[in-house]
Amino acid sequence: MADERAVTTVLKVGGAQLQGAAQLRRLSAYVARARGAGQAVVLVHGGGPEIGELHRQLALPFRKRRGLRVTPEGSMPLVTMVLCGLVNKRIVARLVSDGLPALGLCGVDRGALRAEFLNRKVLGRVGGPPRVDRARFAELLRAGQVIVLAPVCLGSDGEPVNVNADTVAHAVAAALAAARLEFVSDVAGIRTPQRGIADRLSAAEARQLLGSEAVTGGMIPKLQAALAALDTGIDRVRVGDLPGMMNDTATEITA
C-alpha cells in the first residue's frame, strides 16, 4: 500500500448497532461499498449493551464514569468474552458470508495495541490511548484484509485491559494516517442546543460543546477522539448513524 492515507478508512461501530441481522447486513454493505471505492477498512467495534446485559444476568455491578466503562478485575473476563468472542465473530461471520475478506482481532493479538492503565484505582482494568504497532496493521491491509478489531488491548502487566472503542479507533487512524475516521452511533449526528442535529461542526464548536452539558455519556469519548483525530491531521471525521453515513448526512467535524 504505497499511500495508506489516500485509501484507509477507520470505522468505529457502537455495540448497539451490532445486534440485529438487518443492522449487520447494512454494515456489511457499507464496508463493501468502501472497498469498492478503493478503500482499505479497519472496523473497530464496541459491545456495551451485551456486556451490560451479561453483568445484569450475573448480578454483577455495572457502571460508567464520563462515558468509560468501569472494569473491575472480575469483569475483565466477561468483557473479553463478549468483545473478542461473541461480537467480533458475529461481525466477521456476516462480512465473510457476504464475500468480504474479514479477519477478527483484538489488540492483544501480536501485541498490536498496548495500553497503560488510565486510573486503576477508580476505573479498574481500563486502559488509556494505546500504542499502535503500525506495521502489524499495514501488513494485513496490504494483504487486502478487512480488519475487525475488538478494543481489548495488552496491558502494562501483561494481561488484557479494556479500552474505549472510540479511543482505539482514533489511535489506529492516527497511526495509519487514515483519510477518514467515522463513528457509527445510534443517533443521526451531534445535537447542538441551537441547531439540533448539525450537518457540520468546526473543531472550535465541537470543543465548546464538549465543555458544556449538551454532550453526555458515550458522546463524550466520541467527540474527544474526533478532535484528537483532527489534531493528528486526519482529513475527515464524521459522527452519525449508518443511514446518515451512507446518505452523507452525518455530522462532519472539520479542523
C-alpha atoms as a PDB file:
ATOM      1  CA  MET A   1       0.000   0.000   0.000  1.00  0.00           C
ATOM      2  CA  ALA A   2       2.082   2.857  -1.259  1.00  0.00           C
ATOM      3  CA  ASP A   3      -0.213   5.636   0.001  1.00  0.00           C
ATOM      4  CA  GLU A   4      -2.189   4.397   3.007  1.00  0.00           C
ATOM      5  CA  ARG A   5      -3.505   7.873   3.749  1.00  0.00           C
ATOM      6  CA  ALA A   6      -5.341   8.015   0.443  1.00  0.00           C
ATOM      7  CA  VAL A   7      -7.190   4.741   0.902  1.00  0.00           C
ATOM      8  CA  THR A   8      -7.639   3.831   4.576  1.00  0.00           C
ATOM      9  CA  THR A   9     -10.889   4.340   6.447  1.00  0.00           C
ATOM     10  CA  VAL A  10     -11.227   3.541  10.130  1.00  0.00           C
ATOM     11  CA  LEU A  11     -14.827   2.815  11.030  1.00  0.00           C
ATOM     12  CA  LYS A  12     -15.925   2.618  14.672  1.00  0.00           C
ATOM     13  CA  VAL A  13     -19.282   0.968  15.253  1.00  0.00           C
ATOM     14  CA  GLY A  14     -21.093   1.041  18.587  1.00  0.00           C
ATOM     15  CA  GLY A  15     -22.341  -2.168  20.150  1.00  0.00           C
ATOM     16  CA  ALA A  16     -25.985  -1.119  19.851  1.00  0.00           C
ATOM     17  CA  GLN A  17     -25.581  -1.226  16.057  1.00  0.00           C
ATOM     18  CA  LEU A  18     -24.316  -4.806  16.009  1.00  0.00           C
ATOM     19  CA  GLN A  19     -27.114  -6.911  17.475  1.00  0.00           C
ATOM     20  CA  GLY A  20     -29.700  -7.249  14.697  1.00  0.00           C
ATOM     21  CA  ALA A  21     -29.361  -9.126  11.416  1.00  0.00           C
ATOM     22  CA  ALA A  22     -30.610  -6.144   9.421  1.00  0.00           C
ATOM     23  CA  GLN A  23     -28.070  -3.832  11.036  1.00  0.00           C
ATOM     24  CA  LEU A  24     -25.247  -6.243  10.284  1.00  0.00           C
ATOM     25  CA  ARG A  25     -26.334  -6.525   6.652  1.00  0.00           C
ATOM     26  CA  ARG A  26     -26.325  -2.718   6.294  1.00  0.00           C
ATOM     27  CA  LEU A  27     -22.895  -2.546   7.895  1.00  0.00           C
ATOM     28  CA  SER A  28     -21.577  -5.215   5.548  1.00  0.00           C
ATOM     29  CA  ALA A  29     -22.991  -3.329   2.548  1.00  0.00           C
ATOM     30  CA  TYR A  30     -21.298  -0.130   3.736  1.00  0.00           C
ATOM     31  CA  VAL A  31     -17.944  -1.877   4.127  1.00  0.00           C
ATOM     32  CA  ALA A  32     -18.354  -3.451   0.686  1.00  0.00           C
ATOM     33  CA  ARG A  33     -19.090  -0.027  -0.808  1.00  0.00           C
ATOM     34  CA  ALA A  34     -15.969   1.453   0.790  1.00  0.00           C
ATOM     35  CA  ARG A  35     -13.820  -1.359  -0.575  1.00  0.00           C
ATOM     36  CA  GLY A  36     -15.434  -0.969  -3.972  1.00  0.00           C
ATOM     37  CA  ALA A  37     -14.283   2.656  -3.897  1.00  0.00           C
ATOM     38  CA  GLY A  38     -10.700   1.512  -3.345  1.00  0.00           C
ATOM     39  CA  GLN A  39     -10.533   1.984   0.423  1.00  0.00           C
ATOM     40  CA  ALA A  40      -8.924  -0.331   2.938  1.00  0.00           C
ATOM     41  CA  VAL A  41     -11.081  -0.708   6.043  1.00  0.00           C
ATOM     42  CA  VAL A  42     -10.354  -1.177   9.725  1.00  0.00           C
ATOM     43  CA  LEU A  43     -13.583  -1.723  11.652  1.00  0.00           C
ATOM     44  CA  VAL A  44     -13.318  -1.112  15.400  1.00  0.00           C
ATOM     45  CA  HIS A  45     -16.376  -2.236  17.347  1.00  0.00           C
ATOM     46  CA  GLY A  46     -17.914  -1.892  20.763  1.00  0.00           C
ATOM     47  CA  GLY A  47     -20.251  -4.220  22.629  1.00  0.00           C
ATOM     48  CA  GLY A  48     -21.528  -2.256  25.592  1.00  0.00           C
ATOM     49  CA  PRO A  49     -25.174  -3.373  25.624  1.00  0.00           C
ATOM     50  CA  GLU A  50     -24.253  -7.057  25.659  1.00  0.00           C
ATOM     51  CA  ILE A  51     -21.561  -6.522  28.282  1.00  0.00           C
ATOM     52  CA  GLY A  52     -24.167  -4.752  30.404  1.00  0.00           C
ATOM     53  CA  GLU A  53     -26.734  -7.489  29.887  1.00  0.00           C
ATOM     54  CA  LEU A  54     -24.271 -10.216  30.889  1.00  0.00           C
ATOM     55  CA  HIS A  55     -23.417  -8.292  34.058  1.00  0.00           C
ATOM     56  CA  ARG A  56     -27.112  -7.997  34.867  1.00  0.00           C
ATOM     57  CA  GLN A  57     -27.675 -11.712  34.327  1.00  0.00           C
ATOM     58  CA  LEU A  58     -24.811 -12.489  36.722  1.00  0.00           C
ATOM     59  CA  ALA A  59     -25.929  -9.819  39.201  1.00  0.00           C
ATOM     60  CA  LEU A  60     -22.592  -8.003  38.956  1.00  0.00           C
ATOM     61  CA  PRO A  61     -22.140  -4.230  39.376  1.00  0.00           C
ATOM     62  CA  PHE A  62     -22.111  -2.240  36.174  1.00  0.00           C
ATOM     63  CA  ARG A  63     -21.416   1.469  35.856  1.00  0.00           C
ATOM     64  CA  LYS A  64     -19.759   4.175  33.762  1.00  0.00           C
ATOM     65  CA  ARG A  65     -17.789   7.311  34.530  1.00  0.00           C
ATOM     66  CA  ARG A  66     -17.909  10.042  31.852  1.00  0.00           C
ATOM     67  CA  GLY A  67     -18.620   7.534  29.110  1.00  0.00           C
ATOM     68  CA  LEU A  68     -15.966   4.996  30.199  1.00  0.00           C
ATOM     69  CA  ARG A  69     -16.993   1.563  31.432  1.00  0.00           C
ATOM     70  CA  VAL A  70     -15.583   0.800  34.887  1.00  0.00           C
ATOM     71  CA  THR A  71     -13.953  -2.630  34.613  1.00  0.00           C
ATOM     72  CA  PRO A  72     -13.078  -4.391  37.894  1.00  0.00           C
ATOM     73  CA  GLU A  73     -10.780  -7.413  37.780  1.00  0.00           C
ATOM     74  CA  GLY A  74     -13.767  -9.759  37.921  1.00  0.00           C
ATOM     75  CA  SER A  75     -15.415  -8.074  34.949  1.00  0.00           C
ATOM     76  CA  MET A  76     -12.463  -8.282  32.563  1.00  0.00           C
ATOM     77  CA  PRO A  77     -13.091 -11.933  31.567  1.00  0.00           C
ATOM     78  CA  LEU A  78     -16.686 -11.050  30.718  1.00  0.00           C
ATOM     79  CA  VAL A  79     -15.622  -8.015  28.686  1.00  0.00           C
ATOM     80  CA  THR A  80     -13.075 -10.130  26.796  1.00  0.00           C
ATOM     81  CA  MET A  81     -15.605 -12.881  26.150  1.00  0.00           C
ATOM     82  CA  VAL A  82     -18.206 -10.512  24.714  1.00  0.00           C
ATOM     83  CA  LEU A  83     -15.908  -8.223  22.715  1.00  0.00           C
ATOM     84  CA  CYS A  84     -13.294 -10.675  21.404  1.00  0.00           C
ATOM     85  CA  GLY A  85     -15.661 -13.602  21.042  1.00  0.00           C
ATOM     86  CA  LEU A  86     -19.379 -13.019  20.658  1.00  0.00           C
ATOM     87  CA  VAL A  87     -19.461  -9.612  18.961  1.00  0.00           C
ATOM     88  CA  ASN A  88     -16.231  -9.860  16.971  1.00  0.00           C
ATOM     89  CA  LYS A  89     -17.085 -13.205  15.423  1.00  0.00           C
ATOM     90  CA  ARG A  90     -20.655 -12.140  14.688  1.00  0.00           C
ATOM     91  CA  ILE A  91     -19.333  -9.281  12.569  1.00  0.00           C
ATOM     92  CA  VAL A  92     -16.677 -11.403  10.887  1.00  0.00           C
ATOM     93  CA  ALA A  93     -19.225 -14.112  10.068  1.00  0.00           C
ATOM     94  CA  ARG A  94     -21.523 -11.585   8.375  1.00  0.00           C
ATOM     95  CA  LEU A  95     -18.721  -9.978   6.353  1.00  0.00           C
ATOM     96  CA  VAL A  96     -17.229 -13.305   5.265  1.00  0.00           C
ATOM     97  CA  SER A  97     -20.678 -14.624   4.337  1.00  0.00           C
ATOM     98  CA  ASP A  98     -21.051 -11.577   2.104  1.00  0.00           C
ATOM     99  CA  GLY A  99     -17.757 -12.278   0.354  1.00  0.00           C
ATOM    100  CA  LEU A 100     -15.517  -9.858   2.244  1.00  0.00           C
ATOM    101  CA  PRO A 101     -12.054 -10.998   3.437  1.00  0.00           C
ATOM    102  CA  ALA A 102     -12.621 -10.158   7.115  1.00  0.00           C
ATOM    103  CA  LEU A 103     -10.182 -11.054   9.873  1.00  0.00           C
ATOM    104  CA  GLY A 104     -11.145 -10.712  13.545  1.00  0.00           C
ATOM    105  CA  LEU A 105      -8.512  -9.493  16.001  1.00  0.00           C
ATOM    106  CA  CYS A 106      -8.103  -7.731  19.310  1.00  0.00           C
ATOM    107  CA  GLY A 107      -5.230  -5.555  20.477  1.00  0.00           C
ATOM    108  CA  VAL A 108      -3.665  -8.424  22.397  1.00  0.00           C
ATOM    109  CA  ASP A 109      -3.016 -10.373  19.184  1.00  0.00           C
ATOM    110  CA  ARG A 110       0.657  -9.998  18.244  1.00  0.00           C
ATOM    111  CA  GLY A 111       0.810  -7.137  20.749  1.00  0.00           C
ATOM    112  CA  ALA A 112      -0.782  -4.856  18.168  1.00  0.00           C
ATOM    113  CA  LEU A 113      -2.238  -2.469  20.783  1.00  0.00           C
ATOM    114  CA  ARG A 114      -0.604  -1.821  24.171  1.00  0.00           C
ATOM    115  CA  ALA A 115      -2.141   0.437  26.797  1.00  0.00           C
ATOM    116  CA  GLU A 116      -1.262   1.787  30.230  1.00  0.00           C
ATOM    117  CA  PHE A 117      -3.869   1.851  32.973  1.00  0.00           C
ATOM    118  CA  LEU A 118      -5.896   5.039  32.882  1.00  0.00           C
ATOM    119  CA  ASN A 119      -6.721   5.122  36.589  1.00  0.00           C
ATOM    120  CA  ARG A 120      -6.628   1.648  38.046  1.00  0.00           C
ATOM    121  CA  LYS A 121      -7.952   2.659  41.458  1.00  0.00           C
ATOM    122  CA  VAL A 122     -11.046   4.364  40.039  1.00  0.00           C
ATOM    123  CA  LEU A 123     -11.663   2.590  36.704  1.00  0.00           C
ATOM    124  CA  GLY A 124     -10.106  -0.847  37.221  1.00  0.00           C
ATOM    125  CA  ARG A 125      -8.747  -2.594  34.130  1.00  0.00           C
ATOM    126  CA  VAL A 126      -9.357   0.325  31.774  1.00  0.00           C
ATOM    127  CA  GLY A 127      -6.527   1.408  29.512  1.00  0.00           C
ATOM    128  CA  GLY A 128      -5.755   4.809  28.059  1.00  0.00           C
ATOM    129  CA  PRO A 129      -4.899   5.607  24.430  1.00  0.00           C
ATOM    130  CA  PRO A 130      -2.986   2.588  23.117  1.00  0.00           C
ATOM    131  CA  ARG A 131       0.363   2.441  21.366  1.00  0.00           C
ATOM    132  CA  VAL A 132      -0.266   1.010  17.915  1.00  0.00           C
ATOM    133  CA  ASP A 133       2.093  -1.361  16.133  1.00  0.00           C
ATOM    134  CA  ARG A 134       1.544   0.226  12.761  1.00  0.00           C
ATOM    135  CA  ALA A 135       3.483  -2.425  10.871  1.00  0.00           C
ATOM    136  CA  ARG A 136       1.112  -5.181  12.030  1.00  0.00           C
ATOM    137  CA  PHE A 137      -1.936  -3.390  10.658  1.00  0.00           C
ATOM    138  CA  ALA A 138      -0.219  -2.193   7.477  1.00  0.00           C
ATOM    139  CA  GLU A 139       0.831  -5.774   6.713  1.00  0.00           C
ATOM    140  CA  LEU A 140      -2.762  -7.011   6.880  1.00  0.00           C
ATOM    141  CA  LEU A 141      -4.151  -4.093   4.888  1.00  0.00           C
ATOM    142  CA  ARG A 142      -1.573  -4.669   2.160  1.00  0.00           C
ATOM    143  CA  ALA A 143      -2.828  -8.260   2.010  1.00  0.00           C
ATOM    144  CA  GLY A 144      -6.341  -6.954   1.346  1.00  0.00           C
ATOM    145  CA  GLN A 145      -7.857  -7.915   4.701  1.00  0.00           C
ATOM    146  CA  VAL A 146     -10.781  -6.121   6.324  1.00  0.00           C
ATOM    147  CA  ILE A 147      -9.622  -5.879   9.933  1.00  0.00           C
ATOM    148  CA  VAL A 148     -12.382  -6.292  12.523  1.00  0.00           C
ATOM    149  CA  LEU A 149     -10.860  -5.083  15.781  1.00  0.00           C
ATOM    150  CA  ALA A 150     -12.100  -5.603  19.339  1.00  0.00           C
ATOM    151  CA  PRO A 151     -10.850  -2.873  21.727  1.00  0.00           C
ATOM    152  CA  VAL A 152      -9.190  -5.213  24.228  1.00  0.00           C
ATOM    153  CA  CYS A 153      -5.518  -4.279  24.476  1.00  0.00           C
ATOM    154  CA  LEU A 154      -2.395  -5.663  26.116  1.00  0.00           C
ATOM    155  CA  GLY A 155      -1.904  -4.011  29.497  1.00  0.00           C
ATOM    156  CA  SER A 156       1.363  -3.000  31.093  1.00  0.00           C
ATOM    157  CA  ASP A 157       1.063  -6.006  33.469  1.00  0.00           C
ATOM    158  CA  GLY A 158       0.878  -8.445  30.559  1.00  0.00           C
ATOM    159  CA  GLU A 159      -2.881  -9.010  30.891  1.00  0.00           C
ATOM    160  CA  PRO A 160      -5.806  -7.733  28.810  1.00  0.00           C
ATOM    161  CA  VAL A 161      -7.258  -4.297  29.501  1.00  0.00           C
ATOM    162  CA  ASN A 162     -10.496  -2.723  28.327  1.00  0.00           C
ATOM    163  CA  VAL A 163     -10.035   0.415  26.212  1.00  0.00           C
ATOM    164  CA  ASN A 164     -12.825   2.633  24.941  1.00  0.00           C
ATOM    165  CA  ALA A 165     -13.502   1.731  21.308  1.00  0.00           C
ATOM    166  CA  ASP A 166     -13.622   5.391  20.222  1.00  0.00           C
ATOM    167  CA  THR A 167     -10.147   5.883  21.696  1.00  0.00           C
ATOM    168  CA  VAL A 168      -8.847   2.783  19.923  1.00  0.00           C
ATOM    169  CA  ALA A 169     -10.346   3.910  16.613  1.00  0.00           C
ATOM    170  CA  HIS A 170      -8.606   7.267  16.847  1.00  0.00           C
ATOM    171  CA  ALA A 171      -5.263   5.716  17.798  1.00  0.00           C
ATOM    172  CA  VAL A 172      -5.381   3.284  14.863  1.00  0.00           C
ATOM    173  CA  ALA A 173      -6.488   6.003  12.431  1.00  0.00           C
ATOM    174  CA  ALA A 174      -3.651   8.275  13.544  1.00  0.00           C
ATOM    175  CA  ALA A 175      -1.051   5.507  13.307  1.00  0.00           C
ATOM    176  CA  LEU A 176      -2.161   4.592   9.781  1.00  0.00           C
ATOM    177  CA  ALA A 177      -2.588   8.247   8.712  1.00  0.00           C
ATOM    178  CA  ALA A 178      -6.109   7.306   7.642  1.00  0.00           C
ATOM    179  CA  ALA A 179      -8.020   9.534   5.263  1.00  0.00           C
ATOM    180  CA  ARG A 180     -11.281   9.020   7.151  1.00  0.00           C
ATOM    181  CA  LEU A 181     -12.425   8.266  10.683  1.00  0.00           C
ATOM    182  CA  GLU A 182     -16.130   7.560  11.111  1.00  0.00           C
ATOM    183  CA  PHE A 183     -18.050   6.956  14.350  1.00  0.00           C
ATOM    184  CA  VAL A 184     -21.248   4.996  13.694  1.00  0.00           C
ATOM    185  CA  SER A 185     -23.675   5.541  16.552  1.00  0.00           C
ATOM    186  CA  ASP A 186     -27.388   5.096  17.291  1.00  0.00           C
ATOM    187  CA  VAL A 187     -28.047   8.804  16.748  1.00  0.00           C
ATOM    188  CA  ALA A 188     -28.224  10.690  13.459  1.00  0.00           C
ATOM    189  CA  GLY A 189     -25.399  13.046  14.403  1.00  0.00           C
ATOM    190  CA  ILE A 190     -24.242  15.506  17.039  1.00  0.00           C
ATOM    191  CA  ARG A 191     -27.060  17.517  18.586  1.00  0.00           C
ATOM    192  CA  THR A 192     -26.496  21.166  19.406  1.00  0.00           C
ATOM    193  CA  PRO A 193     -28.740  23.352  21.583  1.00  0.00           C
ATOM    194  CA  GLN A 194     -29.159  25.929  18.809  1.00  0.00           C
ATOM    195  CA  ARG A 195     -29.421  23.860  15.622  1.00  0.00           C
ATOM    196  CA  GLY A 196     -30.493  20.378  16.632  1.00  0.00           C
ATOM    197  CA  ILE A 197     -28.531  17.750  14.666  1.00  0.00           C
ATOM    198  CA  ALA A 198     -25.673  19.612  12.993  1.00  0.00           C
ATOM    199  CA  ASP A 199     -24.580  18.711   9.481  1.00  0.00           C
ATOM    200  CA  ARG A 200     -21.163  20.273  10.109  1.00  0.00           C
ATOM    201  CA  LEU A 201     -19.198  21.482  13.154  1.00  0.00           C
ATOM    202  CA  SER A 202     -15.877  23.247  13.358  1.00  0.00           C
ATOM    203  CA  ALA A 203     -13.327  21.932  15.836  1.00  0.00           C
ATOM    204  CA  ALA A 204     -13.883  25.074  17.908  1.00  0.00           C
ATOM    205  CA  GLU A 205     -17.643  24.423  18.051  1.00  0.00           C
ATOM    206  CA  ALA A 206     -17.054  20.788  18.987  1.00  0.00           C
ATOM    207  CA  ARG A 207     -14.727  21.810  21.819  1.00  0.00           C
ATOM    208  CA  GLN A 208     -17.308  24.265  23.088  1.00  0.00           C
ATOM    209  CA  LEU A 209     -19.951  21.539  23.074  1.00  0.00           C
ATOM    210  CA  LEU A 210     -17.624  19.160  24.883  1.00  0.00           C
ATOM    211  CA  GLY A 211     -17.211  21.680  27.675  1.00  0.00           C
ATOM    212  CA  SER A 212     -20.966  22.133  28.067  1.00  0.00           C
ATOM    213  CA  GLU A 213     -23.763  19.990  29.490  1.00  0.00           C
ATOM    214  CA  ALA A 214     -25.128  19.373  25.991  1.00  0.00           C
ATOM    215  CA  VAL A 215     -22.817  16.379  25.453  1.00  0.00           C
ATOM    216  CA  THR A 216     -23.167  13.430  27.806  1.00  0.00           C
ATOM    217  CA  GLY A 217     -22.469   9.692  28.074  1.00  0.00           C
ATOM    218  CA  GLY A 218     -20.908   7.914  25.134  1.00  0.00           C
ATOM    219  CA  MET A 219     -20.801  11.063  23.006  1.00  0.00           C
ATOM    220  CA  ILE A 220     -18.032  12.450  25.254  1.00  0.00           C
ATOM    221  CA  PRO A 221     -15.284   9.999  24.157  1.00  0.00           C
ATOM    222  CA  LYS A 222     -16.506  10.245  20.550  1.00  0.00           C
ATOM    223  CA  LEU A 223     -16.008  13.995  20.475  1.00  0.00           C
ATOM    224  CA  GLN A 224     -12.693  13.713  22.319  1.00  0.00           C
ATOM    225  CA  ALA A 225     -11.465  11.156  19.792  1.00  0.00           C
ATOM    226  CA  ALA A 226     -12.765  13.195  16.856  1.00  0.00           C
ATOM    227  CA  LEU A 227     -10.911  16.309  17.994  1.00  0.00           C
ATOM    228  CA  ALA A 228      -7.724  14.359  18.656  1.00  0.00           C
ATOM    229  CA  ALA A 229      -8.012  12.891  15.147  1.00  0.00           C
ATOM    230  CA  LEU A 230      -8.216  16.342  13.574  1.00  0.00           C
ATOM    231  CA  ASP A 231      -5.176  17.395  15.597  1.00  0.00           C
ATOM    232  CA  THR A 232      -3.217  14.490  14.089  1.00  0.00           C
ATOM    233  CA  GLY A 233      -4.086  15.516  10.535  1.00  0.00           C
ATOM    234  CA  ILE A 234      -6.957  13.175   9.636  1.00  0.00           C
ATOM    235  CA  ASP A 235      -8.918  14.940   6.917  1.00  0.00           C
ATOM    236  CA  ARG A 236     -12.469  13.757   7.519  1.00  0.00           C
ATOM    237  CA  VAL A 237     -14.184  12.835  10.791  1.00  0.00           C
ATOM    238  CA  ARG A 238     -17.890  12.041  10.893  1.00  0.00           C
ATOM    239  CA  VAL A 239     -20.356  11.056  13.629  1.00  0.00           C
ATOM    240  CA  GLY A 240     -23.810   9.630  12.956  1.00  0.00           C
ATOM    241  CA  ASP A 241     -25.877   6.545  12.312  1.00  0.00           C
ATOM    242  CA  LEU A 242     -25.272   4.186   9.407  1.00  0.00           C
ATOM    243  CA  PRO A 243     -28.045   5.583   7.167  1.00  0.00           C
ATOM    244  CA  GLY A 244     -26.525   9.040   7.710  1.00  0.00           C
ATOM    245  CA  MET A 245     -23.104   7.755   6.728  1.00  0.00           C
ATOM    246  CA  MET A 246     -24.498   6.145   3.591  1.00  0.00           C
ATOM    247  CA  ASN A 247     -26.555   9.234   2.648  1.00  0.00           C
ATOM    248  CA  ASP A 248     -23.802  11.696   3.621  1.00  0.00           C
ATOM    249  CA  THR A 249     -25.973  13.429   6.245  1.00  0.00           C
ATOM    250  CA  ALA A 250     -23.943  12.501   9.358  1.00  0.00           C
ATOM    251  CA  THR A 251     -22.249  15.328  11.282  1.00  0.00           C
ATOM    252  CA  GLU A 252     -18.856  16.175   9.842  1.00  0.00           C
ATOM    253  CA  ILE A 253     -16.287  17.797  12.144  1.00  0.00           C
ATOM    254  CA  THR A 254     -13.679  19.908  10.415  1.00  0.00           C
ATOM    255  CA  ALA A 255     -10.433  21.499  11.585  1.00  0.00           C
END
